[in-house]
C-alpha atoms as a PDB file:
ATOM      1  CA  MET A   1      77.460  72.767  76.794  1.00  0.00           C
ATOM      2  CA  ALA A   2      79.548  75.584  75.282  1.00  0.00           C
ATOM      3  CA  ASP A   3      76.710  78.097  75.836  1.00  0.00           C
ATOM      4  CA  ILE A   4      76.675  77.597  79.614  1.00  0.00           C
ATOM      5  CA  PRO A   5      78.807  80.234  81.386  1.00  0.00           C
ATOM      6  CA  VAL A   6      81.337  79.139  83.975  1.00  0.00           C
ATOM      7  CA  PRO A   7      79.872  79.614  87.490  1.00  0.00           C
ATOM      8  CA  GLY A   8      81.138  82.748  89.221  1.00  0.00           C
ATOM      9  CA  THR A   9      82.058  84.574  86.021  1.00  0.00           C
ATOM     10  CA  VAL A  10      80.525  87.767  84.697  1.00  0.00           C
ATOM     11  CA  GLN A  11      80.397  89.461  81.322  1.00  0.00           C
ATOM     12  CA  LEU A  12      82.678  92.510  81.379  1.00  0.00           C
ATOM     13  CA  VAL A  13      82.499  93.658  77.761  1.00  0.00           C
ATOM     14  CA  ASP A  14      79.310  94.283  75.790  1.00  0.00           C
ATOM     15  CA  ALA A  15      80.634  94.532  72.242  1.00  0.00           C
ATOM     16  CA  THR A  16      77.179  94.225  70.690  1.00  0.00           C
ATOM     17  CA  GLY A  17      75.506  96.813  72.955  1.00  0.00           C
ATOM     18  CA  THR A  18      72.583  94.515  73.783  1.00  0.00           C
ATOM     19  CA  SER A  19      73.052  94.245  77.553  1.00  0.00           C
ATOM     20  CA  THR A  20      70.647  96.138  79.810  1.00  0.00           C
ATOM     21  CA  LEU A  21      73.214  96.404  82.620  1.00  0.00           C
ATOM     22  CA  GLN A  22      74.764  99.752  83.526  1.00  0.00           C
ATOM     23  CA  HIS A  23      77.850 100.614  81.471  1.00  0.00           C
ATOM     24  CA  GLY A  24      80.862 102.821  82.111  1.00  0.00           C
ATOM     25  CA  LYS A  25      80.586 106.533  81.319  1.00  0.00           C
ATOM     26  CA  SER A  26      83.611 106.859  79.052  1.00  0.00           C
ATOM     27  CA  GLU A  27      83.754 103.333  77.596  1.00  0.00           C
ATOM     28  CA  HIS A  28      80.220 102.383  76.641  1.00  0.00           C
ATOM     29  CA  ASP A  29      81.067  98.735  75.997  1.00  0.00           C
ATOM     30  CA  ILE A  30      82.366  98.099  79.556  1.00  0.00           C
ATOM     31  CA  ILE A  31      79.813  96.638  81.982  1.00  0.00           C
ATOM     32  CA  LEU A  32      80.202  97.809  85.574  1.00  0.00           C
ATOM     33  CA  VAL A  33      80.669  94.937  88.046  1.00  0.00           C
ATOM     34  CA  PRO A  34      79.332  95.217  90.693  1.00  0.00           C
ATOM     35  CA  GLN A  35      76.437  97.272  89.406  1.00  0.00           C
ATOM     36  CA  PRO A  36      76.251 100.660  91.165  1.00  0.00           C
ATOM     37  CA  THR A  37      73.204 101.437  93.251  1.00  0.00           C
ATOM     38  CA  ASN A  38      71.388 104.762  93.549  1.00  0.00           C
ATOM     39  CA  ASP A  39      72.844 105.221  97.038  1.00  0.00           C
ATOM     40  CA  PRO A  40      75.020 108.364  97.179  1.00  0.00           C
ATOM     41  CA  ASN A  41      77.310 106.566  99.674  1.00  0.00           C
ATOM     42  CA  ASP A  42      78.140 103.866  97.107  1.00  0.00           C
ATOM     43  CA  PRO A  43      81.818 104.422  96.159  1.00  0.00           C
ATOM     44  CA  LEU A  44      80.947 103.800  92.502  1.00  0.00           C
ATOM     45  CA  ASN A  45      78.729 106.925  92.633  1.00  0.00           C
ATOM     46  CA  TRP A  46      81.289 109.175  94.346  1.00  0.00           C
ATOM     47  CA  SER A  47      82.659 112.205  92.558  1.00  0.00           C
ATOM     48  CA  PRO A  48      86.309 111.974  91.457  1.00  0.00           C
ATOM     49  CA  MET A  49      87.233 114.499  94.174  1.00  0.00           C
ATOM     50  CA  ARG A  50      85.615 112.394  96.900  1.00  0.00           C
ATOM     51  CA  LYS A  51      87.389 109.267  95.609  1.00  0.00           C
ATOM     52  CA  LEU A  52      90.710 111.132  95.617  1.00  0.00           C
ATOM     53  CA  ASN A  53      90.051 112.463  99.122  1.00  0.00           C
ATOM     54  CA  SER A  54      89.296 108.962 100.413  1.00  0.00           C
ATOM     55  CA  SER A  55      92.403 107.534  98.773  1.00  0.00           C
ATOM     56  CA  VAL A  56      94.663 110.282 100.134  1.00  0.00           C
ATOM     57  CA  TRP A  57      93.403 109.795 103.692  1.00  0.00           C
ATOM     58  CA  GLN A  58      93.958 106.039 103.450  1.00  0.00           C
ATOM     59  CA  GLN A  59      97.521 106.655 102.306  1.00  0.00           C
ATOM     60  CA  ILE A  60      98.139 109.162 105.115  1.00  0.00           C
ATOM     61  CA  TRP A  61      96.806 106.723 107.709  1.00  0.00           C
ATOM     62  CA  THR A  62      98.985 103.922 106.333  1.00  0.00           C
ATOM     63  CA  PHE A  63     102.055 106.177 106.350  1.00  0.00           C
ATOM     64  CA  PHE A  64     101.539 107.184 109.978  1.00  0.00           C
ATOM     65  CA  ALA A  65     100.856 103.593 111.056  1.00  0.00           C
ATOM     66  CA  ALA A  66     104.195 102.531 109.565  1.00  0.00           C
ATOM     67  CA  MET A  67     105.914 105.617 110.981  1.00  0.00           C
ATOM     68  CA  VAL A  68     104.696 104.842 114.507  1.00  0.00           C
ATOM     69  CA  ILE A  69     106.108 101.332 114.266  1.00  0.00           C
ATOM     70  CA  SER A  70     109.448 102.467 112.844  1.00  0.00           C
ATOM     71  CA  GLY A  71     109.661 105.711 114.780  1.00  0.00           C
ATOM     72  CA  LEU A  72     111.248 104.002 117.760  1.00  0.00           C
ATOM     73  CA  THR A  73     114.269 102.801 115.775  1.00  0.00           C
ATOM     74  CA  PRO A  74     116.416 105.964 116.251  1.00  0.00           C
ATOM     75  CA  ALA A  75     116.038 105.580 120.013  1.00  0.00           C
ATOM     76  CA  TYR A  76     117.432 102.029 120.117  1.00  0.00           C
ATOM     77  CA  LEU A  77     120.801 103.160 121.523  1.00  0.00           C
ATOM     78  CA  LEU A  78     119.111 105.116 124.315  1.00  0.00           C
ATOM     79  CA  ILE A  79     116.807 102.196 125.102  1.00  0.00           C
ATOM     80  CA  GLN A  80     119.784  99.832 125.196  1.00  0.00           C
ATOM     81  CA  GLU A  81     121.643 102.105 127.622  1.00  0.00           C
ATOM     82  CA  GLU A  82     118.602 102.492 129.899  1.00  0.00           C
ATOM     83  CA  THR A  83     117.343  98.898 129.901  1.00  0.00           C
ATOM     84  CA  GLY A  84     120.292  96.762 128.829  1.00  0.00           C
ATOM     85  CA  ILE A  85     118.241  95.066 126.086  1.00  0.00           C
ATOM     86  CA  PRO A  86     120.501  94.280 123.091  1.00  0.00           C
ATOM     87  CA  ILE A  87     119.805  96.161 119.849  1.00  0.00           C
ATOM     88  CA  GLY A  88     119.298  92.837 118.051  1.00  0.00           C
ATOM     89  CA  ASP A  89     116.402  91.996 120.382  1.00  0.00           C
ATOM     90  CA  LEU A  90     114.864  95.437 119.879  1.00  0.00           C
ATOM     91  CA  ASN A  91     115.155  94.992 116.122  1.00  0.00           C
ATOM     92  CA  THR A  92     113.566  91.536 116.355  1.00  0.00           C
ATOM     93  CA  GLY A  93     110.660  93.019 118.290  1.00  0.00           C
ATOM     94  CA  ASN A  94     110.167  95.652 115.612  1.00  0.00           C
ATOM     95  CA  GLY A  95     110.213  92.965 112.918  1.00  0.00           C
ATOM     96  CA  LEU A  96     107.641  90.935 114.849  1.00  0.00           C
ATOM     97  CA  MET A  97     105.343  93.958 114.947  1.00  0.00           C
ATOM     98  CA  TYR A  98     105.468  94.152 111.141  1.00  0.00           C
ATOM     99  CA  LEU A  99     104.912  90.401 110.892  1.00  0.00           C
ATOM    100  CA  PHE A 100     101.832  90.474 113.115  1.00  0.00           C
ATOM    101  CA  PHE A 101     100.402  93.461 111.250  1.00  0.00           C
ATOM    102  CA  GLY A 102     100.651  91.396 108.078  1.00  0.00           C
ATOM    103  CA  PHE A 103      99.100  88.297 109.629  1.00  0.00           C
ATOM    104  CA  GLY A 104      96.409  90.411 111.283  1.00  0.00           C
ATOM    105  CA  THR A 105      95.169  91.402 107.850  1.00  0.00           C
ATOM    106  CA  LEU A 106      94.767  87.746 106.913  1.00  0.00           C
ATOM    107  CA  LEU A 107      92.490  87.293 109.929  1.00  0.00           C
ATOM    108  CA  THR A 108      90.491  90.523 109.862  1.00  0.00           C
ATOM    109  CA  GLN A 109      89.837  90.772 106.104  1.00  0.00           C
ATOM    110  CA  PRO A 110      87.589  87.667 105.861  1.00  0.00           C
ATOM    111  CA  PHE A 111      85.819  88.814 109.031  1.00  0.00           C
ATOM    112  CA  ALA A 112      85.217  92.262 107.503  1.00  0.00           C
ATOM    113  CA  LEU A 113      83.914  90.721 104.282  1.00  0.00           C
ATOM    114  CA  ASN A 114      81.414  88.585 106.214  1.00  0.00           C
ATOM    115  CA  PHE A 115      80.281  90.970 108.951  1.00  0.00           C
ATOM    116  CA  GLY A 116      81.195  94.462 107.733  1.00  0.00           C
ATOM    117  CA  ARG A 117      83.933  96.959 108.473  1.00  0.00           C
ATOM    118  CA  CYS A 118      82.565  98.303 111.765  1.00  0.00           C
ATOM    119  CA  PRO A 119      82.746  95.029 113.752  1.00  0.00           C
ATOM    120  CA  ALA A 120      86.177  94.319 112.254  1.00  0.00           C
ATOM    121  CA  ALA A 121      87.417  97.748 113.329  1.00  0.00           C
ATOM    122  CA  VAL A 122      86.186  97.145 116.884  1.00  0.00           C
ATOM    123  CA  ILE A 123      88.178  93.933 117.092  1.00  0.00           C
END
């Protein structure tokens, strides 16, 4: 019974060097999970520069998404004068936008895992 692995677990370290699975380039005892394919579009096969480029663009997009939401805050006094909406209500609306962005991730992430990123992006 002790020799049976727990379902859903994988071997991450090959201390004996007997595994035929693909290992890391710098640490030869680390097994790569998931195993990289030969596809050049597989992120595990990307060059370090391409990985850095992808990461930087994700961070830029996230920064601008947050900036667009918060960018209206300096104009609250002008909006209050024009519309008569109290600043507290404007602030609550801004907080609700952040809240729904957070909850939206909880809904779209499982969908993206099941059906792919493209259909999730369309929704």
